[in-house]
N, C-alpha and C. Protein backbone atom coordinates (compact mmCIF):
# COMPACT_ATOMS: atom_id res chain seq x y z
N MET A 1 43.43 14.78 -24.07
CA MET A 1 43.84 15.81 -23.16
C MET A 1 43.02 17.02 -23.36
N SER A 2 42.45 17.70 -22.44
CA SER A 2 41.90 18.88 -22.40
C SER A 2 42.02 20.08 -21.26
N VAL A 3 42.13 21.21 -21.63
CA VAL A 3 42.59 21.97 -20.56
C VAL A 3 41.27 22.99 -20.14
N GLY A 4 40.73 22.67 -18.84
CA GLY A 4 39.38 23.45 -18.48
C GLY A 4 39.73 24.67 -17.91
N ASN A 5 39.05 25.52 -18.05
CA ASN A 5 39.15 26.87 -17.82
C ASN A 5 39.16 27.23 -16.44
N ALA A 6 39.84 28.42 -16.07
CA ALA A 6 40.05 28.75 -14.52
C ALA A 6 38.49 29.28 -14.23
N TRP A 7 38.53 29.23 -12.98
CA TRP A 7 37.22 29.61 -12.24
C TRP A 7 37.07 31.02 -12.09
N VAL A 8 36.11 31.65 -12.52
CA VAL A 8 35.65 33.18 -12.32
C VAL A 8 34.10 33.07 -12.03
N VAL A 9 33.84 34.24 -11.23
CA VAL A 9 32.15 34.37 -10.73
C VAL A 9 31.62 34.52 -12.13
N GLY A 10 30.62 33.96 -12.51
CA GLY A 10 29.94 34.25 -13.60
C GLY A 10 29.89 32.93 -14.38
N ASN A 11 31.16 32.16 -14.30
CA ASN A 11 31.36 31.15 -15.47
C ASN A 11 30.02 30.09 -15.40
N THR A 12 29.59 29.65 -16.43
CA THR A 12 28.53 28.62 -16.37
C THR A 12 28.85 27.23 -15.98
N THR A 13 30.27 26.93 -16.18
CA THR A 13 30.73 25.66 -16.13
C THR A 13 31.94 25.72 -14.99
N ALA A 14 32.26 24.21 -14.25
CA ALA A 14 33.64 24.60 -13.62
C ALA A 14 33.83 23.17 -13.36
N LEU A 15 35.21 23.09 -12.81
CA LEU A 15 35.60 21.66 -12.20
C LEU A 15 34.85 21.56 -10.92
N TRP A 16 34.21 20.35 -10.77
CA TRP A 16 33.51 20.11 -9.67
C TRP A 16 33.97 18.60 -8.91
N LYS A 17 34.18 18.80 -7.85
CA LYS A 17 34.69 17.39 -6.56
C LYS A 17 33.47 17.09 -6.18
N ILE A 18 33.12 15.96 -6.18
CA ILE A 18 32.01 15.57 -5.14
C ILE A 18 32.45 14.40 -4.47
N VAL A 19 31.75 14.81 -3.17
CA VAL A 19 31.99 13.78 -1.99
C VAL A 19 31.11 13.18 -1.42
N PHE A 20 31.32 11.93 -1.28
CA PHE A 20 30.33 11.29 -0.34
C PHE A 20 31.05 10.68 0.94
N LYS A 21 30.39 10.78 2.13
CA LYS A 21 30.84 10.36 3.45
C LYS A 21 30.00 9.01 3.71
N LYS A 22 30.58 7.80 3.87
CA LYS A 22 29.69 6.54 4.03
C LYS A 22 29.96 6.25 5.39
N ASN A 23 29.04 5.80 5.97
CA ASN A 23 29.21 5.16 7.54
C ASN A 23 28.88 3.43 7.36
N THR A 24 29.64 2.68 8.19
CA THR A 24 29.25 1.43 8.30
C THR A 24 29.04 1.33 9.97
N PRO A 25 28.77 0.55 10.51
CA PRO A 25 28.54 0.29 12.09
C PRO A 25 29.56 0.73 12.97
N ASP A 26 30.96 0.66 12.45
CA ASP A 26 32.06 0.82 13.03
C ASP A 26 33.26 1.76 12.76
N GLY A 27 32.68 2.31 11.42
CA GLY A 27 33.86 3.34 10.84
C GLY A 27 33.39 3.98 9.62
N GLY A 28 33.70 5.15 9.10
CA GLY A 28 33.45 5.65 8.01
C GLY A 28 34.47 5.70 6.82
N VAL A 29 34.19 5.84 5.56
CA VAL A 29 35.14 6.12 4.54
C VAL A 29 34.39 7.07 3.38
N ILE A 30 35.35 7.59 2.87
CA ILE A 30 34.84 8.66 1.81
C ILE A 30 35.12 8.07 0.25
N ASP A 31 34.33 8.64 -0.38
CA ASP A 31 34.35 8.57 -2.18
C ASP A 31 34.47 9.70 -2.61
N THR A 32 35.50 9.96 -3.49
CA THR A 32 35.48 11.46 -4.43
C THR A 32 35.41 11.00 -5.66
N PHE A 33 35.10 11.99 -6.51
CA PHE A 33 35.24 11.73 -7.82
C PHE A 33 34.86 13.41 -8.59
N HIS A 34 35.51 13.54 -9.83
CA HIS A 34 35.64 14.69 -10.33
C HIS A 34 35.10 14.81 -11.92
N VAL A 35 34.23 15.80 -11.89
CA VAL A 35 33.66 16.36 -13.41
C VAL A 35 34.09 17.42 -13.93
N ALA A 36 34.55 17.55 -15.04
CA ALA A 36 35.14 18.64 -15.43
C ALA A 36 34.28 19.52 -16.52
N GLU A 37 34.28 20.84 -16.46
CA GLU A 37 33.61 21.56 -17.51
C GLU A 37 32.15 21.26 -17.49
N LYS A 38 31.52 21.10 -16.09
CA LYS A 38 30.14 21.00 -16.29
C LYS A 38 29.24 22.01 -15.53
N SER A 39 27.89 22.29 -15.60
CA SER A 39 27.40 23.35 -15.19
C SER A 39 26.94 22.86 -13.62
N GLU A 40 26.36 23.55 -12.83
CA GLU A 40 26.17 22.88 -11.42
C GLU A 40 24.90 22.00 -11.50
N ALA A 41 24.09 22.31 -12.51
CA ALA A 41 22.87 21.21 -12.82
C ALA A 41 23.34 19.84 -13.16
N ASP A 42 24.11 19.85 -14.11
CA ASP A 42 24.76 18.56 -14.62
C ASP A 42 25.51 17.92 -13.52
N ALA A 43 26.56 18.62 -12.67
CA ALA A 43 27.46 17.91 -11.70
C ALA A 43 26.24 17.30 -10.82
N ARG A 44 25.17 17.97 -10.41
CA ARG A 44 24.55 17.40 -9.30
C ARG A 44 23.77 16.51 -9.83
N ALA A 45 23.46 16.17 -11.32
CA ALA A 45 22.83 14.94 -11.68
C ALA A 45 23.64 14.01 -11.66
N ILE A 46 24.98 14.14 -11.96
CA ILE A 46 25.95 13.13 -11.82
C ILE A 46 26.12 12.62 -10.75
N ALA A 47 26.07 13.38 -9.66
CA ALA A 47 26.50 12.80 -8.15
C ALA A 47 25.03 12.17 -7.71
N VAL A 48 24.08 12.50 -8.08
CA VAL A 48 22.85 11.60 -7.61
C VAL A 48 22.81 10.33 -8.18
N ASP A 49 23.21 10.13 -9.55
CA ASP A 49 23.04 8.97 -10.14
C ASP A 49 24.38 8.02 -9.59
N LEU A 50 25.33 8.74 -9.27
CA LEU A 50 26.28 7.82 -8.87
C LEU A 50 26.16 7.26 -7.22
N ALA A 51 25.33 8.33 -6.64
CA ALA A 51 25.08 7.85 -5.01
C ALA A 51 24.14 6.90 -5.49
N GLY A 52 23.05 6.78 -6.24
CA GLY A 52 22.19 5.59 -6.32
C GLY A 52 22.74 4.30 -6.71
N ARG A 53 23.58 4.54 -7.59
CA ARG A 53 24.45 3.03 -7.70
C ARG A 53 25.22 2.59 -6.56
N ILE A 54 26.07 3.58 -5.93
CA ILE A 54 26.52 3.18 -4.65
C ILE A 54 25.75 2.46 -3.52
N LYS A 55 24.72 3.38 -3.44
CA LYS A 55 23.87 2.44 -2.61
C LYS A 55 23.62 1.33 -2.88
N ALA A 56 23.17 1.15 -3.93
CA ALA A 56 22.95 -0.14 -4.44
C ALA A 56 23.90 -1.32 -4.27
N MET A 57 24.86 -1.03 -4.02
CA MET A 57 26.21 -2.06 -3.94
C MET A 57 26.26 -2.11 -2.49
N MET A 58 25.67 -1.19 -1.62
CA MET A 58 25.92 -1.23 -0.15
C MET A 58 24.88 -1.78 0.75
N PRO A 59 25.25 -2.78 1.69
CA PRO A 59 24.24 -3.42 2.51
C PRO A 59 23.37 -2.40 3.57
N GLY A 60 22.28 -2.98 3.86
CA GLY A 60 21.48 -1.87 4.39
C GLY A 60 21.98 -1.48 6.05
N ASP A 61 22.69 -2.10 6.46
CA ASP A 61 23.39 -1.40 7.36
C ASP A 61 24.57 -0.52 7.42
N CYS A 62 24.51 0.03 6.51
CA CYS A 62 25.72 1.14 6.00
C CYS A 62 24.99 2.13 5.20
N ASN A 63 25.29 3.44 5.03
CA ASN A 63 24.66 4.26 4.33
C ASN A 63 25.53 5.37 4.15
N ILE A 64 25.12 6.35 2.80
CA ILE A 64 25.70 7.48 2.62
C ILE A 64 25.21 8.57 3.55
N PHE A 65 26.12 9.09 4.38
CA PHE A 65 25.80 9.94 5.59
C PHE A 65 25.73 11.76 5.01
N TYR A 66 26.73 11.86 4.12
CA TYR A 66 26.66 13.29 3.61
C TYR A 66 27.05 13.09 2.42
N ALA A 67 26.73 14.45 1.69
CA ALA A 67 27.15 14.10 0.20
C ALA A 67 27.05 15.85 -0.18
N VAL A 68 28.46 16.47 -0.50
CA VAL A 68 28.44 17.48 -0.97
C VAL A 68 29.21 17.58 -2.30
N MET A 69 29.01 18.56 -3.24
CA MET A 69 29.59 18.88 -4.41
C MET A 69 30.31 20.41 -4.35
N SER A 70 31.45 20.56 -4.52
CA SER A 70 32.41 22.00 -4.92
C SER A 70 33.08 22.24 -5.84
N ARG A 71 32.91 23.53 -6.36
CA ARG A 71 33.90 23.87 -7.40
C ARG A 71 35.27 23.92 -6.74
N ASP A 72 36.22 23.85 -7.61
CA ASP A 72 37.69 23.19 -7.28
C ASP A 72 38.33 24.72 -7.19
N ASN A 73 38.26 25.38 -6.14
CA ASN A 73 38.62 26.62 -5.68
C ASN A 73 38.65 26.75 -4.20
N THR A 74 39.02 27.97 -3.71
CA THR A 74 39.34 28.20 -2.45
C THR A 74 38.03 28.71 -1.44
N ASP A 75 37.16 29.08 -2.38
CA ASP A 75 35.88 29.77 -1.87
C ASP A 75 35.15 28.52 -0.94
N ARG A 76 34.32 28.99 -0.08
CA ARG A 76 33.03 28.10 0.74
C ARG A 76 32.01 28.30 -0.03
N ASP A 77 31.82 27.39 -1.27
CA ASP A 77 30.80 27.56 -2.31
C ASP A 77 30.27 26.07 -2.42
N SER A 78 30.53 25.01 -1.42
CA SER A 78 30.19 23.84 -1.77
C SER A 78 28.60 23.60 -1.90
N ARG A 79 27.90 22.90 -2.45
CA ARG A 79 26.46 22.54 -2.42
C ARG A 79 26.10 20.99 -1.87
N PHE A 80 25.08 21.37 -0.84
CA PHE A 80 24.75 19.84 -0.29
C PHE A 80 23.76 19.18 -1.27
N ILE A 81 23.81 17.73 -1.02
CA ILE A 81 23.27 17.00 -1.91
C ILE A 81 22.28 16.02 -1.15
N PRO A 82 21.15 16.33 -1.01
CA PRO A 82 20.50 15.76 -0.04
C PRO A 82 19.66 14.49 -0.51
N GLU A 83 19.51 14.48 -1.96
CA GLU A 83 19.22 13.35 -2.95
C GLU A 83 20.07 12.17 -2.55
N ALA A 84 20.96 12.59 -2.34
CA ALA A 84 22.39 11.52 -2.36
C ALA A 84 22.18 10.53 -1.05
N LEU A 85 21.35 11.00 0.00
CA LEU A 85 21.79 10.36 1.31
C LEU A 85 20.89 9.29 1.20
N GLY A 86 21.21 8.39 2.39
CA GLY A 86 20.44 7.18 2.28
C GLY A 86 21.06 5.85 2.52
N ASP A 87 20.31 5.05 3.26
CA ASP A 87 20.89 3.58 3.50
C ASP A 87 21.18 2.64 2.44
N GLY A 88 22.00 1.97 2.44
CA GLY A 88 22.37 1.00 1.30
C GLY A 88 21.23 -0.08 1.17
N THR A 89 21.11 -0.36 -0.27
CA THR A 89 19.82 -1.12 -0.83
C THR A 89 19.98 -2.56 -1.15
N TYR A 90 21.26 -2.68 -1.19
CA TYR A 90 21.84 -4.19 -1.62
C TYR A 90 21.39 -5.48 -0.73
N VAL A 91 20.65 -6.37 -1.43
CA VAL A 91 19.90 -7.55 -1.01
C VAL A 91 20.43 -8.67 -1.79
N LEU A 92 20.55 -9.96 -1.39
CA LEU A 92 20.83 -11.04 -1.81
C LEU A 92 19.93 -11.31 -3.14
N THR A 93 20.29 -11.79 -4.15
CA THR A 93 19.12 -12.38 -5.00
C THR A 93 18.68 -13.62 -4.65
N GLY A 94 17.43 -13.92 -5.37
CA GLY A 94 16.46 -15.07 -4.88
C GLY A 94 15.25 -14.67 -4.50
N SER A 95 14.25 -15.43 -3.99
CA SER A 95 12.97 -15.29 -3.72
C SER A 95 12.78 -16.04 -2.35
N PRO A 96 12.39 -15.26 -1.39
CA PRO A 96 12.14 -13.93 -1.12
C PRO A 96 13.58 -13.68 -1.16
N VAL A 97 13.76 -11.97 -1.45
CA VAL A 97 15.00 -11.35 -1.14
C VAL A 97 15.45 -11.30 0.19
N VAL A 98 16.57 -11.32 0.46
CA VAL A 98 17.11 -11.23 1.83
C VAL A 98 18.31 -10.17 2.07
N ALA A 99 18.31 -9.36 3.02
CA ALA A 99 19.03 -8.13 3.31
C ALA A 99 20.33 -8.77 3.90
N THR A 100 21.42 -8.37 3.60
CA THR A 100 22.61 -8.61 3.99
C THR A 100 23.37 -7.43 4.78
N LYS A 101 24.51 -8.04 5.82
CA LYS A 101 25.16 -7.23 6.33
C LYS A 101 26.36 -7.15 5.73
N TYR A 102 27.44 -5.93 6.04
CA TYR A 102 28.72 -5.55 5.39
C TYR A 102 29.82 -6.61 5.99
N ASP A 103 30.49 -6.85 5.12
CA ASP A 103 31.65 -7.56 5.14
C ASP A 103 32.53 -7.22 6.27
N TYR A 104 33.42 -6.14 6.18
CA TYR A 104 34.31 -5.49 7.24
C TYR A 104 34.37 -4.06 6.74
N LYS A 105 34.60 -3.13 7.47
CA LYS A 105 34.81 -1.68 7.09
C LYS A 105 35.85 -1.17 5.88
N ARG A 106 36.82 -2.32 6.11
CA ARG A 106 38.07 -2.10 5.20
C ARG A 106 38.01 -3.14 3.96
N THR A 107 37.33 -3.84 4.05
CA THR A 107 37.20 -4.78 2.52
C THR A 107 36.69 -3.76 1.78
N ALA A 108 37.52 -4.07 0.41
CA ALA A 108 37.05 -3.08 -0.59
C ALA A 108 37.31 -3.78 -1.92
N LEU A 109 37.02 -3.19 -3.19
CA LEU A 109 37.23 -3.76 -4.39
C LEU A 109 37.66 -2.98 -5.08
N LEU A 110 39.06 -3.01 -5.58
CA LEU A 110 40.22 -2.07 -6.26
C LEU A 110 39.67 -2.19 -7.91
N LEU A 111 39.23 -1.00 -8.13
CA LEU A 111 39.13 -0.75 -9.39
C LEU A 111 40.21 0.06 -10.02
N ARG A 112 40.44 -0.24 -11.47
CA ARG A 112 41.28 0.42 -12.10
C ARG A 112 40.67 1.28 -13.39
N PHE A 113 40.98 2.60 -13.61
CA PHE A 113 40.29 3.39 -14.56
C PHE A 113 41.51 3.97 -15.25
N GLU A 114 41.37 3.82 -16.48
CA GLU A 114 42.49 4.24 -17.60
C GLU A 114 41.83 5.55 -18.29
N ASN A 115 42.85 6.40 -18.66
CA ASN A 115 42.32 7.60 -19.48
C ASN A 115 42.86 7.50 -20.95
N GLU A 116 42.46 8.36 -21.60
CA GLU A 116 42.33 8.24 -23.11
C GLU A 116 43.87 8.31 -23.38
N VAL A 117 45.04 8.75 -22.81
CA VAL A 117 46.35 8.79 -23.37
C VAL A 117 47.09 7.47 -22.58
N GLY A 118 46.59 6.91 -21.72
CA GLY A 118 47.35 5.84 -20.98
C GLY A 118 47.64 6.24 -19.71
N GLY A 119 47.15 6.91 -19.19
CA GLY A 119 47.31 7.34 -17.85
C GLY A 119 46.21 6.44 -16.97
N LEU A 120 46.22 6.37 -15.71
CA LEU A 120 45.40 5.46 -14.63
C LEU A 120 45.24 6.28 -13.20
N PHE A 121 44.08 5.68 -12.66
CA PHE A 121 43.87 6.07 -11.26
C PHE A 121 43.34 4.72 -10.87
N SER A 122 43.06 4.75 -9.44
CA SER A 122 42.42 3.73 -8.98
C SER A 122 41.46 4.11 -7.94
N HIS A 123 40.46 3.11 -7.96
CA HIS A 123 39.24 3.80 -6.80
C HIS A 123 38.90 2.48 -6.03
N LYS A 124 38.66 2.65 -4.81
CA LYS A 124 38.32 1.38 -3.82
C LYS A 124 36.84 1.70 -3.32
N ILE A 125 35.89 0.64 -3.82
CA ILE A 125 34.74 0.33 -3.41
C ILE A 125 34.45 -0.13 -2.18
N CYS A 126 33.69 0.64 -1.25
CA CYS A 126 33.64 -0.15 0.08
C CYS A 126 32.53 0.53 0.82
N PRO A 127 31.61 0.03 1.64
CA PRO A 127 31.56 -1.51 2.05
C PRO A 127 30.83 -2.00 1.13
N ILE A 128 30.85 -3.53 1.43
CA ILE A 128 30.51 -4.42 0.60
C ILE A 128 29.72 -5.37 1.41
N GLY A 129 28.80 -6.16 0.46
CA GLY A 129 28.22 -7.63 1.24
C GLY A 129 29.08 -8.58 1.93
N ASP A 130 28.80 -9.25 3.12
CA ASP A 130 29.36 -10.03 3.63
C ASP A 130 29.37 -11.30 2.86
N LEU A 131 28.67 -11.93 2.13
CA LEU A 131 28.74 -13.11 1.50
C LEU A 131 29.36 -12.82 -0.15
N LEU A 132 29.75 -11.60 -0.31
CA LEU A 132 30.61 -11.41 -2.03
C LEU A 132 31.86 -11.79 -1.87
N VAL A 133 32.60 -11.99 -0.72
CA VAL A 133 34.05 -12.26 -0.91
C VAL A 133 34.25 -13.61 -0.10
N GLU A 134 35.25 -14.20 -0.54
CA GLU A 134 35.39 -15.65 -0.01
C GLU A 134 36.72 -15.73 -0.13
N GLU A 135 37.62 -16.10 0.92
CA GLU A 135 39.08 -16.33 0.94
C GLU A 135 39.67 -15.35 0.03
N GLY A 136 39.31 -14.14 0.24
CA GLY A 136 39.91 -12.79 -0.42
C GLY A 136 39.84 -12.79 -1.79
N GLU A 137 38.68 -13.29 -2.29
CA GLU A 137 38.14 -13.23 -3.63
C GLU A 137 36.87 -13.07 -3.99
N LEU A 138 36.53 -12.01 -5.04
CA LEU A 138 35.07 -11.62 -5.37
C LEU A 138 34.63 -12.90 -6.02
N LEU A 139 33.64 -13.39 -5.72
CA LEU A 139 33.07 -14.65 -5.72
C LEU A 139 32.56 -14.41 -7.59
N VAL A 140 31.85 -13.46 -8.00
CA VAL A 140 31.75 -13.20 -9.41
C VAL A 140 32.24 -11.73 -9.70
N PRO A 141 33.37 -11.56 -10.33
CA PRO A 141 33.76 -10.39 -10.86
C PRO A 141 33.06 -9.88 -11.59
N PRO A 142 33.23 -8.50 -11.84
CA PRO A 142 32.35 -7.74 -12.96
C PRO A 142 32.80 -7.85 -14.38
N ALA A 143 32.15 -7.59 -15.46
CA ALA A 143 32.59 -7.70 -16.84
C ALA A 143 33.52 -6.44 -16.92
N ASP A 144 34.60 -6.28 -17.81
CA ASP A 144 35.47 -5.14 -18.01
C ASP A 144 34.73 -4.23 -18.79
N VAL A 145 35.17 -2.85 -18.50
CA VAL A 145 34.42 -1.80 -19.45
C VAL A 145 35.50 -1.10 -20.29
N VAL A 146 35.55 -1.52 -21.81
CA VAL A 146 36.56 -1.14 -22.45
C VAL A 146 35.72 -0.05 -23.64
N GLY A 147 36.06 1.27 -23.49
CA GLY A 147 35.58 2.24 -24.46
C GLY A 147 34.53 2.93 -23.42
N ILE A 148 34.30 4.08 -23.91
CA ILE A 148 33.03 4.61 -23.32
C ILE A 148 32.05 4.37 -23.62
N PRO A 149 30.90 4.16 -22.86
CA PRO A 149 29.58 3.53 -23.06
C PRO A 149 28.88 4.69 -24.03
N ALA A 150 28.34 4.00 -25.34
CA ALA A 150 27.55 4.91 -25.90
C ALA A 150 26.27 5.63 -24.83
N ASP A 151 25.48 4.88 -24.11
CA ASP A 151 24.75 5.64 -23.08
C ASP A 151 24.94 5.05 -21.73
N LEU A 152 24.40 5.99 -21.16
CA LEU A 152 24.09 5.75 -19.29
C LEU A 152 23.69 4.35 -19.09
N PRO A 153 24.32 3.50 -18.41
CA PRO A 153 23.75 2.27 -18.13
C PRO A 153 22.35 2.78 -17.17
N ALA A 154 21.37 1.61 -17.02
CA ALA A 154 20.11 1.79 -16.61
C ALA A 154 20.40 1.68 -15.03
N ALA A 155 19.66 2.57 -13.94
CA ALA A 155 19.72 2.64 -12.72
C ALA A 155 19.36 0.99 -12.26
N PRO A 156 20.33 0.62 -10.98
CA PRO A 156 20.10 -0.87 -10.71
C PRO A 156 18.68 -0.88 -10.13
N VAL A 157 18.40 -2.19 -10.33
CA VAL A 157 16.85 -2.83 -9.69
C VAL A 157 17.16 -3.74 -8.25
N GLU A 158 16.22 -3.93 -7.82
CA GLU A 158 16.51 -4.48 -6.51
C GLU A 158 16.73 -6.51 -6.80
N ALA A 159 17.62 -6.57 -6.00
CA ALA A 159 18.00 -7.96 -5.96
C ALA A 159 18.80 -8.21 -7.34
N GLU A 160 19.21 -7.41 -8.21
CA GLU A 160 20.14 -7.80 -9.04
C GLU A 160 21.37 -8.16 -8.72
N ASP A 161 21.91 -8.75 -9.70
CA ASP A 161 23.29 -9.64 -9.54
C ASP A 161 24.38 -8.58 -8.80
N PHE A 162 25.18 -8.91 -8.14
CA PHE A 162 25.96 -7.38 -7.69
C PHE A 162 27.14 -7.22 -8.86
N ASN A 163 27.47 -8.44 -9.31
CA ASN A 163 28.72 -7.97 -10.54
C ASN A 163 28.10 -7.00 -11.79
N VAL A 164 26.68 -7.38 -11.88
CA VAL A 164 25.96 -6.48 -12.67
C VAL A 164 25.88 -4.90 -12.26
N THR A 165 25.73 -4.64 -11.23
CA THR A 165 25.48 -3.28 -10.76
C THR A 165 26.91 -2.97 -10.69
N LEU A 166 27.73 -3.42 -10.52
CA LEU A 166 29.37 -2.94 -10.28
C LEU A 166 29.69 -2.62 -11.47
N ASN A 167 29.15 -3.67 -12.56
CA ASN A 167 29.78 -3.05 -14.08
C ASN A 167 29.17 -1.86 -14.39
N ALA A 168 27.69 -1.62 -14.14
CA ALA A 168 27.01 -0.67 -14.54
C ALA A 168 27.76 0.60 -13.77
N PHE A 169 28.08 0.78 -12.48
CA PHE A 169 28.65 1.68 -11.77
C PHE A 169 30.01 2.13 -12.52
N MET A 170 30.72 1.23 -12.72
CA MET A 170 31.92 1.34 -13.53
C MET A 170 31.99 2.00 -14.92
N GLN A 171 30.55 1.52 -15.83
CA GLN A 171 30.52 2.44 -16.73
C GLN A 171 29.99 3.79 -16.65
N ALA A 172 29.10 4.00 -15.57
CA ALA A 172 28.74 5.46 -14.87
C ALA A 172 29.92 6.09 -14.85
N VAL A 173 30.94 5.86 -14.24
CA VAL A 173 32.09 6.39 -13.70
C VAL A 173 32.77 6.74 -15.19
N VAL A 174 32.98 5.90 -15.79
CA VAL A 174 33.97 6.20 -17.27
C VAL A 174 32.83 6.97 -17.93
N LYS A 175 31.87 7.17 -18.18
CA LYS A 175 30.84 7.96 -19.04
C LYS A 175 30.66 9.35 -18.56
N GLN A 176 30.57 9.35 -17.22
CA GLN A 176 30.33 10.86 -16.80
C GLN A 176 31.64 11.59 -15.96
N CYS A 177 32.47 11.02 -15.56
CA CYS A 177 33.37 11.50 -14.67
C CYS A 177 34.92 11.55 -15.61
N HIS A 178 35.79 12.29 -15.06
CA HIS A 178 37.09 12.55 -15.71
C HIS A 178 38.01 12.50 -14.69
N HIS A 179 39.51 12.32 -15.18
CA HIS A 179 40.66 12.09 -14.51
C HIS A 179 41.48 13.57 -14.59
N VAL A 180 41.58 14.03 -13.40
CA VAL A 180 42.04 15.42 -13.46
C VAL A 180 43.72 15.07 -12.98
N VAL A 181 44.40 15.80 -13.73
CA VAL A 181 45.67 15.90 -13.26
C VAL A 181 46.03 16.76 -12.12
N ALA A 182 46.60 16.19 -10.97
CA ALA A 182 46.86 17.00 -9.80
C ALA A 182 48.03 17.94 -10.07
N GLY A 183 47.96 19.06 -8.95
CA GLY A 183 48.89 20.23 -9.26
C GLY A 183 48.57 21.43 -9.50
N HIS A 184 47.31 21.61 -9.95
CA HIS A 184 46.94 22.91 -10.77
C HIS A 184 46.76 23.74 -9.40
N PRO A 185 46.83 25.14 -9.60
CA PRO A 185 46.18 26.01 -8.34
C PRO A 185 44.99 25.93 -8.13
N PRO A 186 44.26 25.90 -7.18
CA PRO A 186 42.74 26.15 -6.58
C PRO A 186 42.16 27.25 -7.59
N GLY A 187 41.14 26.83 -8.45
CA GLY A 187 40.12 27.71 -9.10
C GLY A 187 40.89 28.21 -10.48
N GLY A 188 42.32 27.53 -10.55
CA GLY A 188 43.02 27.83 -11.81
C GLY A 188 42.80 26.97 -12.83
N ALA A 189 43.53 27.35 -14.30
CA ALA A 189 43.36 26.30 -15.43
C ALA A 189 43.77 24.97 -14.78
N TYR A 190 43.52 23.91 -15.51
CA TYR A 190 43.76 22.41 -15.07
C TYR A 190 43.67 21.44 -16.23
N THR A 191 44.12 20.61 -16.26
CA THR A 191 44.16 19.45 -17.39
C THR A 191 43.55 18.20 -16.94
N TYR A 192 42.80 17.87 -17.99
CA TYR A 192 41.64 16.48 -17.16
C TYR A 192 41.93 15.76 -18.78
N PHE A 193 41.46 14.45 -18.59
CA PHE A 193 41.28 13.40 -19.68
C PHE A 193 39.83 12.69 -19.46
N ASN A 194 39.39 12.46 -20.38
CA ASN A 194 38.34 11.39 -20.47
C ASN A 194 38.84 10.02 -20.15
N ILE A 195 37.97 9.34 -19.12
CA ILE A 195 38.22 7.99 -18.76
C ILE A 195 37.59 7.24 -20.11
N VAL A 196 38.18 6.20 -20.24
CA VAL A 196 38.25 5.16 -21.50
C VAL A 196 37.97 3.65 -21.06
N ASN A 197 38.33 3.28 -20.06
CA ASN A 197 38.18 1.60 -19.56
C ASN A 197 38.18 1.84 -17.94
N SER A 198 37.94 0.55 -17.82
CA SER A 198 37.72 0.33 -16.08
C SER A 198 37.89 -1.23 -15.99
N TYR A 199 38.50 -1.62 -15.01
CA TYR A 199 38.80 -3.11 -14.78
C TYR A 199 38.72 -3.31 -13.06
N PHE A 200 37.99 -4.30 -12.61
CA PHE A 200 38.16 -4.86 -11.59
C PHE A 200 39.48 -5.51 -11.37
N ILE A 201 40.37 -5.19 -10.32
CA ILE A 201 41.42 -5.75 -10.27
C ILE A 201 41.80 -6.87 -9.24
N ARG A 202 41.28 -6.63 -7.94
CA ARG A 202 41.29 -7.67 -6.73
C ARG A 202 40.24 -7.20 -5.51
N VAL A 203 40.31 -7.92 -4.75
CA VAL A 203 40.00 -7.54 -3.30
C VAL A 203 40.95 -6.65 -2.55
N ALA A 204 40.79 -5.63 -1.87
CA ALA A 204 41.88 -5.20 -1.19
C ALA A 204 41.27 -4.36 -0.11
N SER A 205 41.99 -3.48 0.37
CA SER A 205 41.66 -2.87 1.92
C SER A 205 41.54 -1.11 1.58
N LYS A 206 40.56 -0.81 2.48
CA LYS A 206 40.72 0.76 2.06
C LYS A 206 40.72 1.17 3.57
N LYS A 207 41.51 2.08 3.94
CA LYS A 207 41.43 3.07 5.08
C LYS A 207 40.44 3.79 5.40
N GLY A 208 39.78 3.70 6.47
CA GLY A 208 38.81 4.59 7.01
C GLY A 208 38.80 5.32 8.17
N GLY A 209 38.03 6.05 8.86
CA GLY A 209 38.08 6.68 9.89
C GLY A 209 36.93 6.25 10.97
N ARG A 210 36.54 7.37 12.12
CA ARG A 210 35.65 6.98 12.64
C ARG A 210 34.40 7.24 11.81
N VAL A 211 33.02 6.81 12.69
CA VAL A 211 31.58 6.90 11.81
C VAL A 211 31.60 8.34 12.09
N PHE A 212 31.06 8.97 10.94
CA PHE A 212 30.60 10.29 10.47
C PHE A 212 29.47 10.56 11.56
N ILE A 213 29.43 11.75 12.19
CA ILE A 213 28.37 12.05 13.26
C ILE A 213 28.02 13.47 12.57
N GLY A 214 26.80 13.90 13.04
CA GLY A 214 26.40 15.21 12.68
C GLY A 214 26.75 16.22 13.88
């Protein structure tokens, strides 16, 4: 457990909230992540890395429509992240590679993240390809992530097996993000934990809303 500093103008580090708004053909969903005690440049680099991994798991008929990061305070000081935007790049393995469509906007993969003192939070990944799930089961689950990786996993490559890309994403979240305890005042001191483990739990459902539009 660590206590992060309250935000004051001039601080070089802060608690950042990263937000990705993603579109499918018939609905939108949001992903959020927290990184603690990071500079703006470091937080942006983490956001761009996570966005690349998310796009590698999304079919080409889906996209990251909007991406921002903001300090955890009440000021309107968010930062736009244009490098994170773009269509999904997931394709089926094989030769030649074949693009795939998404399964359904609410079909999601439930991930469990555990912190260093036994706490946990869940995160749902969607949208995903339509041929990855059959009868409510992920055909090839990812390996568990136990312990903080020594190094950040390599960026995904075209036609990589989905379970490999998903495992690398899980490692990247464990390595770079934090579990922040809810309830602190905006801009105030906060409590956060390192994430140490991650597991795929099951296929689940994620609520979304309307397609995001400009």
